[in-house]
PDB file of all heavy atoms in Angstrom:
ATOM      1  N   THR A   1     -15.848  -6.415   3.478  1.00  0.00           N
ATOM      2  CA  THR A   1     -15.827  -4.978   3.279  1.00  0.00           C
ATOM      3  C   THR A   1     -14.290  -4.321   3.260  1.00  0.00           C
ATOM      4  O   THR A   1     -14.052  -3.552   2.457  1.00  0.00           O
ATOM      5  CB  THR A   1     -16.721  -4.290   4.341  1.00  0.00           C
ATOM      6  OG1 THR A   1     -17.951  -4.716   4.134  1.00  0.00           O
ATOM      7  CG2 THR A   1     -16.565  -2.697   4.242  1.00  0.00           C
ATOM      8  N   ALA A   2     -13.538  -4.889   4.322  1.00  0.00           N
ATOM      9  CA  ALA A   2     -12.084  -4.472   4.459  1.00  0.00           C
ATOM     10  C   ALA A   2     -11.405  -4.864   3.254  1.00  0.00           C
ATOM     11  O   ALA A   2     -10.453  -4.166   2.693  1.00  0.00           O
ATOM     12  CB  ALA A   2     -11.617  -5.133   5.720  1.00  0.00           C
ATOM     13  N   VAL A   3     -11.679  -6.018   2.683  1.00  0.00           N
ATOM     14  CA  VAL A   3     -10.898  -6.428   1.464  1.00  0.00           C
ATOM     15  C   VAL A   3     -11.182  -5.677   0.310  1.00  0.00           C
ATOM     16  O   VAL A   3     -10.492  -5.256  -0.457  1.00  0.00           O
ATOM     17  CB  VAL A   3     -11.265  -7.985   1.125  1.00  0.00           C
ATOM     18  CG1 VAL A   3     -10.774  -8.339  -0.226  1.00  0.00           C
ATOM     19  CG2 VAL A   3     -10.404  -8.875   2.182  1.00  0.00           C
ATOM     20  N   GLN A   4     -12.553  -5.353   0.117  1.00  0.00           N
ATOM     21  CA  GLN A   4     -12.983  -4.619  -0.903  1.00  0.00           C
ATOM     22  C   GLN A   4     -12.407  -3.141  -0.914  1.00  0.00           C
ATOM     23  O   GLN A   4     -11.925  -2.565  -1.855  1.00  0.00           O
ATOM     24  CB  GLN A   4     -14.627  -4.345  -0.923  1.00  0.00           C
ATOM     25  CG  GLN A   4     -15.204  -3.616  -2.053  1.00  0.00           C
ATOM     26  CD  GLN A   4     -16.581  -3.410  -2.037  1.00  0.00           C
ATOM     27  OE1 GLN A   4     -17.203  -3.920  -1.080  1.00  0.00           O
ATOM     28  NE2 GLN A   4     -17.301  -2.894  -3.127  1.00  0.00           N
ATOM     29  N   TRP A   5     -12.281  -2.519   0.293  1.00  0.00           N
ATOM     30  CA  TRP A   5     -11.617  -1.215   0.471  1.00  0.00           C
ATOM     31  C   TRP A   5     -10.013  -1.390   0.167  1.00  0.00           C
ATOM     32  O   TRP A   5      -9.551  -0.501  -0.410  1.00  0.00           O
ATOM     33  CB  TRP A   5     -11.857  -0.850   1.912  1.00  0.00           C
ATOM     34  CG  TRP A   5     -10.980   0.310   2.276  1.00  0.00           C
ATOM     35  CD1 TRP A   5      -9.990   0.504   3.280  1.00  0.00           C
ATOM     36  CD2 TRP A   5     -11.207   1.674   1.765  1.00  0.00           C
ATOM     37  NE1 TRP A   5      -9.579   1.763   3.277  1.00  0.00           N
ATOM     38  CE2 TRP A   5     -10.216   2.533   2.479  1.00  0.00           C
ATOM     39  CE3 TRP A   5     -12.067   2.312   0.956  1.00  0.00           C
ATOM     40  CZ2 TRP A   5     -10.164   3.911   2.069  1.00  0.00           C
ATOM     41  CZ3 TRP A   5     -11.868   3.658   0.559  1.00  0.00           C
ATOM     42  CH2 TRP A   5     -10.911   4.363   1.259  1.00  0.00           C
ATOM     43  N   SER A   6      -9.501  -2.424   0.461  1.00  0.00           N
ATOM     44  CA  SER A   6      -8.042  -2.656   0.269  1.00  0.00           C
ATOM     45  C   SER A   6      -7.686  -2.800  -1.301  1.00  0.00           C
ATOM     46  O   SER A   6      -6.709  -2.526  -1.666  1.00  0.00           O
ATOM     47  CB  SER A   6      -7.596  -3.962   0.954  1.00  0.00           C
ATOM     48  OG  SER A   6      -7.661  -3.831   2.424  1.00  0.00           O
ATOM     49  N   ARG A   7      -8.849  -3.211  -2.016  1.00  0.00           N
ATOM     50  CA  ARG A   7      -8.581  -3.252  -3.410  1.00  0.00           C
ATOM     51  C   ARG A   7      -8.785  -1.997  -4.175  1.00  0.00           C
ATOM     52  O   ARG A   7      -8.832  -1.992  -5.520  1.00  0.00           O
ATOM     53  CB  ARG A   7      -9.520  -4.373  -4.072  1.00  0.00           C
ATOM     54  CG  ARG A   7      -9.417  -5.737  -3.381  1.00  0.00           C
ATOM     55  CD  ARG A   7     -10.157  -6.810  -4.031  1.00  0.00           C
ATOM     56  NE  ARG A   7      -9.414  -7.303  -5.308  1.00  0.00           N
ATOM     57  CZ  ARG A   7      -9.587  -8.454  -5.814  1.00  0.00           C
ATOM     58  NH1 ARG A   7     -10.430  -9.280  -5.317  1.00  0.00           N
ATOM     59  NH2 ARG A   7      -8.854  -8.798  -6.827  1.00  0.00           N
ATOM     60  N   SER A   8      -9.059  -0.921  -3.509  1.00  0.00           N
ATOM     61  CA  SER A   8      -9.254   0.311  -4.073  1.00  0.00           C
ATOM     62  C   SER A   8      -8.059   1.123  -4.434  1.00  0.00           C
ATOM     63  O   SER A   8      -7.084   0.968  -3.837  1.00  0.00           O
ATOM     64  CB  SER A   8     -10.270   1.132  -3.298  1.00  0.00           C
ATOM     65  OG  SER A   8      -9.597   1.666  -2.109  1.00  0.00           O
ATOM     66  N   ARG A   9      -8.051   2.047  -5.347  1.00  0.00           N
ATOM     67  CA  ARG A   9      -7.000   2.977  -5.652  1.00  0.00           C
ATOM     68  C   ARG A   9      -6.714   3.770  -4.410  1.00  0.00           C
ATOM     69  O   ARG A   9      -5.538   4.289  -4.257  1.00  0.00           O
ATOM     70  CB  ARG A   9      -7.195   3.765  -6.848  1.00  0.00           C
ATOM     71  CG  ARG A   9      -7.135   2.979  -8.159  1.00  0.00           C
ATOM     72  CD  ARG A   9      -5.748   2.442  -8.493  1.00  0.00           C
ATOM     73  NE  ARG A   9      -4.803   3.480  -8.577  1.00  0.00           N
ATOM     74  CZ  ARG A   9      -4.688   4.179  -9.741  1.00  0.00           C
ATOM     75  NH1 ARG A   9      -5.397   3.839 -10.780  1.00  0.00           N
ATOM     76  NH2 ARG A   9      -3.805   5.187  -9.782  1.00  0.00           N
ATOM     77  N   ARG A  10      -7.849   4.178  -3.669  1.00  0.00           N
ATOM     78  CA  ARG A  10      -7.593   5.092  -2.431  1.00  0.00           C
ATOM     79  C   ARG A  10      -6.596   4.463  -1.582  1.00  0.00           C
ATOM     80  O   ARG A  10      -5.817   5.264  -0.860  1.00  0.00           O
ATOM     81  CB  ARG A  10      -8.977   5.438  -1.953  1.00  0.00           C
ATOM     82  CG  ARG A  10      -9.744   6.234  -2.711  1.00  0.00           C
ATOM     83  CD  ARG A  10     -11.192   6.687  -2.014  1.00  0.00           C
ATOM     84  NE  ARG A  10     -11.895   7.630  -2.727  1.00  0.00           N
ATOM     85  CZ  ARG A  10     -13.043   8.095  -2.308  1.00  0.00           C
ATOM     86  NH1 ARG A  10     -13.553   7.698  -1.152  1.00  0.00           N
ATOM     87  NH2 ARG A  10     -13.708   8.899  -3.039  1.00  0.00           N
ATOM     88  N   MET A  11      -6.739   3.074  -1.408  1.00  0.00           N
ATOM     89  CA  MET A  11      -5.818   2.414  -0.423  1.00  0.00           C
ATOM     90  C   MET A  11      -4.518   2.405  -0.935  1.00  0.00           C
ATOM     91  O   MET A  11      -3.511   2.611  -0.134  1.00  0.00           O
ATOM     92  CB  MET A  11      -6.403   1.099  -0.091  1.00  0.00           C
ATOM     93  CG  MET A  11      -5.614   0.364   1.034  1.00  0.00           C
ATOM     94  SD  MET A  11      -5.514   1.327   2.538  1.00  0.00           S
ATOM     95  CE  MET A  11      -7.175   1.117   3.092  1.00  0.00           C
ATOM     96  N   VAL A  12      -4.234   2.474  -2.297  1.00  0.00           N
ATOM     97  CA  VAL A  12      -2.923   2.522  -2.757  1.00  0.00           C
ATOM     98  C   VAL A  12      -2.390   3.809  -2.453  1.00  0.00           C
ATOM     99  O   VAL A  12      -1.222   3.953  -1.905  1.00  0.00           O
ATOM    100  CB  VAL A  12      -3.001   2.404  -4.254  1.00  0.00           C
ATOM    101  CG1 VAL A  12      -1.634   2.707  -4.917  1.00  0.00           C
ATOM    102  CG2 VAL A  12      -3.415   0.974  -4.749  1.00  0.00           C
ATOM    103  N   TRP A  13      -3.097   4.899  -2.506  1.00  0.00           N
ATOM    104  CA  TRP A  13      -2.582   6.264  -2.202  1.00  0.00           C
ATOM    105  C   TRP A  13      -2.324   6.319  -0.551  1.00  0.00           C
ATOM    106  O   TRP A  13      -1.300   6.905  -0.139  1.00  0.00           O
ATOM    107  CB  TRP A  13      -3.550   7.226  -2.412  1.00  0.00           C
ATOM    108  CG  TRP A  13      -4.039   7.321  -3.771  1.00  0.00           C
ATOM    109  CD1 TRP A  13      -3.301   7.027  -4.876  1.00  0.00           C
ATOM    110  CD2 TRP A  13      -5.328   7.829  -4.347  1.00  0.00           C
ATOM    111  NE1 TRP A  13      -3.999   7.179  -6.042  1.00  0.00           N
ATOM    112  CE2 TRP A  13      -5.128   7.754  -5.766  1.00  0.00           C
ATOM    113  CE3 TRP A  13      -6.562   8.423  -3.744  1.00  0.00           C
ATOM    114  CZ2 TRP A  13      -6.331   8.115  -6.615  1.00  0.00           C
ATOM    115  CZ3 TRP A  13      -7.556   8.752  -4.611  1.00  0.00           C
ATOM    116  CH2 TRP A  13      -7.459   8.579  -6.092  1.00  0.00           C
ATOM    117  N   VAL A  14      -3.056   5.648   0.201  1.00  0.00           N
ATOM    118  CA  VAL A  14      -2.743   5.503   1.737  1.00  0.00           C
ATOM    119  C   VAL A  14      -1.458   4.785   1.915  1.00  0.00           C
ATOM    120  O   VAL A  14      -0.574   5.353   2.673  1.00  0.00           O
ATOM    121  CB  VAL A  14      -3.836   4.778   2.494  1.00  0.00           C
ATOM    122  CG1 VAL A  14      -3.376   4.539   3.870  1.00  0.00           C
ATOM    123  CG2 VAL A  14      -5.173   5.533   2.299  1.00  0.00           C
ATOM    124  N   TYR A  15      -1.231   3.698   1.267  1.00  0.00           N
ATOM    125  CA  TYR A  15       0.127   2.935   1.522  1.00  0.00           C
ATOM    126  C   TYR A  15       1.268   3.881   0.988  1.00  0.00           C
ATOM    127  O   TYR A  15       2.257   3.965   1.595  1.00  0.00           O
ATOM    128  CB  TYR A  15       0.023   1.610   0.667  1.00  0.00           C
ATOM    129  CG  TYR A  15      -0.590   0.523   1.436  1.00  0.00           C
ATOM    130  CD1 TYR A  15      -1.824   0.148   1.306  1.00  0.00           C
ATOM    131  CD2 TYR A  15       0.238  -0.284   2.432  1.00  0.00           C
ATOM    132  CE1 TYR A  15      -2.364  -0.928   2.057  1.00  0.00           C
ATOM    133  CE2 TYR A  15      -0.292  -1.334   3.027  1.00  0.00           C
ATOM    134  CZ  TYR A  15      -1.518  -1.701   2.743  1.00  0.00           C
ATOM    135  OH  TYR A  15      -1.925  -2.739   3.583  1.00  0.00           O
ATOM    136  N   GLU A  16       1.117   4.447  -0.261  1.00  0.00           N
ATOM    137  CA  GLU A  16       2.020   5.311  -0.703  1.00  0.00           C
ATOM    138  C   GLU A  16       2.516   6.535   0.161  1.00  0.00           C
ATOM    139  O   GLU A  16       3.536   6.968   0.304  1.00  0.00           O
ATOM    140  CB  GLU A  16       1.750   5.731  -2.090  1.00  0.00           C
ATOM    141  CG  GLU A  16       1.835   4.665  -3.083  1.00  0.00           C
ATOM    142  CD  GLU A  16       1.438   5.010  -4.609  1.00  0.00           C
ATOM    143  OE1 GLU A  16       0.725   6.015  -4.736  1.00  0.00           O
ATOM    144  OE2 GLU A  16       1.769   4.246  -5.483  1.00  0.00           O
ATOM    145  N   ALA A  17       1.455   6.979   0.788  1.00  0.00           N
ATOM    146  CA  ALA A  17       1.471   8.175   1.670  1.00  0.00           C
ATOM    147  C   ALA A  17       2.402   7.815   2.890  1.00  0.00           C
ATOM    148  O   ALA A  17       3.160   8.638   3.505  1.00  0.00           O
ATOM    149  CB  ALA A  17       0.208   8.779   2.142  1.00  0.00           C
ATOM    150  N   PHE A  18       2.365   6.514   3.419  1.00  0.00           N
ATOM    151  CA  PHE A  18       3.095   6.113   4.552  1.00  0.00           C
ATOM    152  C   PHE A  18       4.454   5.459   4.029  1.00  0.00           C
ATOM    153  O   PHE A  18       5.044   4.903   4.971  1.00  0.00           O
ATOM    154  CB  PHE A  18       2.215   5.341   5.354  1.00  0.00           C
ATOM    155  CG  PHE A  18       1.138   5.993   6.184  1.00  0.00           C
ATOM    156  CD1 PHE A  18      -0.013   6.075   5.642  1.00  0.00           C
ATOM    157  CD2 PHE A  18       1.631   6.363   7.356  1.00  0.00           C
ATOM    158  CE1 PHE A  18      -0.975   6.839   6.536  1.00  0.00           C
ATOM    159  CE2 PHE A  18       0.710   7.263   8.200  1.00  0.00           C
ATOM    160  CZ  PHE A  18      -0.628   7.454   7.699  1.00  0.00           C
ATOM    161  N   ASP A  19       4.721   5.426   2.842  1.00  0.00           N
ATOM    162  CA  ASP A  19       5.798   4.610   2.425  1.00  0.00           C
ATOM    163  C   ASP A  19       7.266   5.343   2.942  1.00  0.00           C
ATOM    164  O   ASP A  19       8.257   4.565   2.834  1.00  0.00           O
ATOM    165  CB  ASP A  19       5.932   4.514   0.920  1.00  0.00           C
ATOM    166  CG  ASP A  19       6.794   3.317   0.430  1.00  0.00           C
ATOM    167  OD1 ASP A  19       6.638   2.264   0.836  1.00  0.00           O
ATOM    168  OD2 ASP A  19       7.516   3.492  -0.547  1.00  0.00           O
ATOM    169  N   TRP A  20       7.121   6.453   3.335  1.00  0.00           N
ATOM    170  CA  TRP A  20       8.319   7.107   3.910  1.00  0.00           C
ATOM    171  C   TRP A  20       9.005   6.372   5.057  1.00  0.00           C
ATOM    172  O   TRP A  20      10.069   6.565   5.346  1.00  0.00           O
ATOM    173  CB  TRP A  20       7.948   8.618   4.216  1.00  0.00           C
ATOM    174  CG  TRP A  20       6.905   8.664   5.292  1.00  0.00           C
ATOM    175  CD1 TRP A  20       5.583   8.964   4.958  1.00  0.00           C
ATOM    176  CD2 TRP A  20       7.013   8.584   6.730  1.00  0.00           C
ATOM    177  NE1 TRP A  20       4.767   9.010   6.059  1.00  0.00           N
ATOM    178  CE2 TRP A  20       5.667   8.801   7.187  1.00  0.00           C
ATOM    179  CE3 TRP A  20       8.070   8.497   7.568  1.00  0.00           C
ATOM    180  CZ2 TRP A  20       5.414   8.848   8.605  1.00  0.00           C
ATOM    181  CZ3 TRP A  20       7.754   8.470   8.854  1.00  0.00           C
ATOM    182  CH2 TRP A  20       6.441   8.661   9.456  1.00  0.00           C
ATOM    183  N   MET A  21       7.981   5.846   5.825  1.00  0.00           N
ATOM    184  CA  MET A  21       8.576   5.007   7.127  1.00  0.00           C
ATOM    185  C   MET A  21       9.386   3.854   6.838  1.00  0.00           C
ATOM    186  O   MET A  21      10.513   3.777   7.505  1.00  0.00           O
ATOM    187  CB  MET A  21       7.358   4.593   7.762  1.00  0.00           C
ATOM    188  CG  MET A  21       7.631   4.140   9.228  1.00  0.00           C
ATOM    189  SD  MET A  21       6.132   3.496  10.077  1.00  0.00           S
ATOM    190  CE  MET A  21       5.022   5.000  10.091  1.00  0.00           C
ATOM    191  N   MET A  22       9.066   3.076   5.759  1.00  0.00           N
ATOM    192  CA  MET A  22      10.021   2.083   5.356  1.00  0.00           C
ATOM    193  C   MET A  22      10.077   2.236   3.756  1.00  0.00           C
ATOM    194  O   MET A  22       9.299   1.543   3.149  1.00  0.00           O
ATOM    195  CB  MET A  22       9.606   0.646   5.723  1.00  0.00           C
ATOM    196  CG  MET A  22       9.753   0.370   7.209  1.00  0.00           C
ATOM    197  SD  MET A  22       9.483  -1.190   7.790  1.00  0.00           S
ATOM    198  CE  MET A  22       7.769  -1.547   7.415  1.00  0.00           C
ATOM    199  N   LYS A  23      10.925   3.162   3.360  1.00  0.00           N
ATOM    200  CA  LYS A  23      10.874   3.559   1.987  1.00  0.00           C
ATOM    201  C   LYS A  23      10.985   2.314   0.962  1.00  0.00           C
ATOM    202  O   LYS A  23      11.995   1.633   1.089  1.00  0.00           O
ATOM    203  CB  LYS A  23      11.990   4.520   1.672  1.00  0.00           C
ATOM    204  CG  LYS A  23      11.892   5.156   0.387  1.00  0.00           C
ATOM    205  CD  LYS A  23      12.846   6.324   0.079  1.00  0.00           C
ATOM    206  CE  LYS A  23      12.707   7.032  -1.134  1.00  0.00           C
ATOM    207  NZ  LYS A  23      11.368   7.560  -1.393  1.00  0.00           N
ATOM    208  N   GLY A  24      10.092   2.285   0.083  1.00  0.00           N
ATOM    209  CA  GLY A  24      10.138   1.318  -0.996  1.00  0.00           C
ATOM    210  C   GLY A  24       9.385  -0.197  -0.549  1.00  0.00           C
ATOM    211  O   GLY A  24       9.329  -0.999  -1.372  1.00  0.00           O
ATOM    212  N   GLN A  25       9.124  -0.293   0.665  1.00  0.00           N
ATOM    213  CA  GLN A  25       8.617  -1.606   1.288  1.00  0.00           C
ATOM    214  C   GLN A  25       7.143  -1.921   0.746  1.00  0.00           C
ATOM    215  O   GLN A  25       6.891  -3.087   0.670  1.00  0.00           O
ATOM    216  CB  GLN A  25       8.524  -1.477   2.739  1.00  0.00           C
ATOM    217  CG  GLN A  25       8.456  -2.899   3.355  1.00  0.00           C
ATOM    218  CD  GLN A  25       9.583  -3.807   3.106  1.00  0.00           C
ATOM    219  OE1 GLN A  25      10.649  -3.345   2.667  1.00  0.00           O
ATOM    220  NE2 GLN A  25       9.240  -5.026   3.080  1.00  0.00           N
ATOM    221  N   PHE A  26       6.405  -0.952   0.367  1.00  0.00           N
ATOM    222  CA  PHE A  26       5.004  -1.179  -0.177  1.00  0.00           C
ATOM    223  C   PHE A  26       5.227  -2.037  -1.401  1.00  0.00           C
ATOM    224  O   PHE A  26       4.602  -3.206  -1.388  1.00  0.00           O
ATOM    225  CB  PHE A  26       4.333   0.089  -0.558  1.00  0.00           C
ATOM    226  CG  PHE A  26       2.989  -0.049  -1.006  1.00  0.00           C
ATOM    227  CD1 PHE A  26       2.181  -0.948  -0.707  1.00  0.00           C
ATOM    228  CD2 PHE A  26       2.587   0.771  -2.200  1.00  0.00           C
ATOM    229  CE1 PHE A  26       0.816  -1.198  -1.379  1.00  0.00           C
ATOM    230  CE2 PHE A  26       1.402   0.679  -2.838  1.00  0.00           C
ATOM    231  CZ  PHE A  26       0.484  -0.362  -2.446  1.00  0.00           C
ATOM    232  N   GLU A  27       5.866  -1.575  -2.337  1.00  0.00           N
ATOM    233  CA  GLU A  27       6.035  -2.454  -3.542  1.00  0.00           C
ATOM    234  C   GLU A  27       6.871  -3.644  -3.290  1.00  0.00           C
ATOM    235  O   GLU A  27       6.862  -4.786  -4.070  1.00  0.00           O
ATOM    236  CB  GLU A  27       6.684  -1.662  -4.720  1.00  0.00           C
ATOM    237  CG  GLU A  27       5.716  -0.717  -5.279  1.00  0.00           C
ATOM    238  CD  GLU A  27       6.243  -0.101  -6.628  1.00  0.00           C
ATOM    239  OE1 GLU A  27       7.209  -0.662  -7.093  1.00  0.00           O
ATOM    240  OE2 GLU A  27       5.530   0.831  -7.091  1.00  0.00           O
ATOM    241  N   ALA A  28       7.884  -3.598  -2.240  1.00  0.00           N
ATOM    242  CA  ALA A  28       8.667  -4.731  -2.050  1.00  0.00           C
ATOM    243  C   ALA A  28       7.990  -5.960  -1.584  1.00  0.00           C
ATOM    244  O   ALA A  28       8.514  -7.070  -1.864  1.00  0.00           O
ATOM    245  CB  ALA A  28       9.736  -4.323  -0.864  1.00  0.00           C
ATOM    246  N   PHE A  29       6.925  -5.861  -0.986  1.00  0.00           N
ATOM    247  CA  PHE A  29       6.152  -6.976  -0.645  1.00  0.00           C
ATOM    248  C   PHE A  29       5.765  -7.858  -1.902  1.00  0.00           C
ATOM    249  O   PHE A  29       5.823  -9.089  -1.767  1.00  0.00           O
ATOM    250  CB  PHE A  29       4.838  -6.649   0.158  1.00  0.00           C
ATOM    251  CG  PHE A  29       5.064  -6.305   1.542  1.00  0.00           C
ATOM    252  CD1 PHE A  29       4.764  -5.021   2.058  1.00  0.00           C
ATOM    253  CD2 PHE A  29       5.770  -7.142   2.553  1.00  0.00           C
ATOM    254  CE1 PHE A  29       4.918  -4.626   3.462  1.00  0.00           C
ATOM    255  CE2 PHE A  29       5.807  -6.750   3.870  1.00  0.00           C
ATOM    256  CZ  PHE A  29       5.571  -5.519   4.285  1.00  0.00           C
ATOM    257  N   GLY A  30       5.447  -7.152  -2.870  1.00  0.00           N
ATOM    258  CA  GLY A  30       5.142  -7.822  -4.171  1.00  0.00           C
ATOM    259  C   GLY A  30       6.348  -8.420  -4.832  1.00  0.00           C
ATOM    260  O   GLY A  30       6.370  -9.599  -5.333  1.00  0.00           O
ATOM    261  N   GLN A  31       7.423  -7.694  -4.682  1.00  0.00           N
ATOM    262  CA  GLN A  31       8.753  -8.338  -5.182  1.00  0.00           C
ATOM    263  C   GLN A  31       9.133  -9.556  -4.470  1.00  0.00           C
ATOM    264  O   GLN A  31       9.591 -10.467  -4.935  1.00  0.00           O
ATOM    265  CB  GLN A  31       9.890  -7.251  -5.009  1.00  0.00           C
ATOM    266  CG  GLN A  31       9.622  -5.928  -5.896  1.00  0.00           C
ATOM    267  CD  GLN A  31       9.952  -6.153  -7.386  1.00  0.00           C
ATOM    268  OE1 GLN A  31      10.397  -7.277  -7.696  1.00  0.00           O
ATOM    269  NE2 GLN A  31       9.899  -5.164  -8.126  1.00  0.00           N
ATOM    270  N   ARG A  32       8.879  -9.617  -3.153  1.00  0.00           N
ATOM    271  CA  ARG A  32       9.137 -10.574  -2.196  1.00  0.00           C
ATOM    272  C   ARG A  32       8.372 -11.887  -2.617  1.00  0.00           C
ATOM    273  O   ARG A  32       8.834 -12.963  -2.715  1.00  0.00           O
ATOM    274  CB  ARG A  32       8.824 -10.161  -0.906  1.00  0.00           C
ATOM    275  CG  ARG A  32       9.503 -11.009   0.251  1.00  0.00           C
ATOM    276  CD  ARG A  32       9.351 -10.197   1.609  1.00  0.00           C
ATOM    277  NE  ARG A  32       8.031 -10.668   2.175  1.00  0.00           N
ATOM    278  CZ  ARG A  32       7.756 -10.137   3.420  1.00  0.00           C
ATOM    279  NH1 ARG A  32       8.515  -9.555   4.101  1.00  0.00           N
ATOM    280  NH2 ARG A  32       6.523 -10.508   4.027  1.00  0.00           N
TER     281      ARG A  32
END
C-alpha cells in the first residue's frame, strides 16, 4: 500500500512541496 501511494502523482506534489528544505534534492536522487 505504501509503495502504491508512493507511485502516485500526489506523492510527487508532497516531495516537491518539501523540496525547499534541500532544494533540488528530490530530482537529484534520480540523477545520482
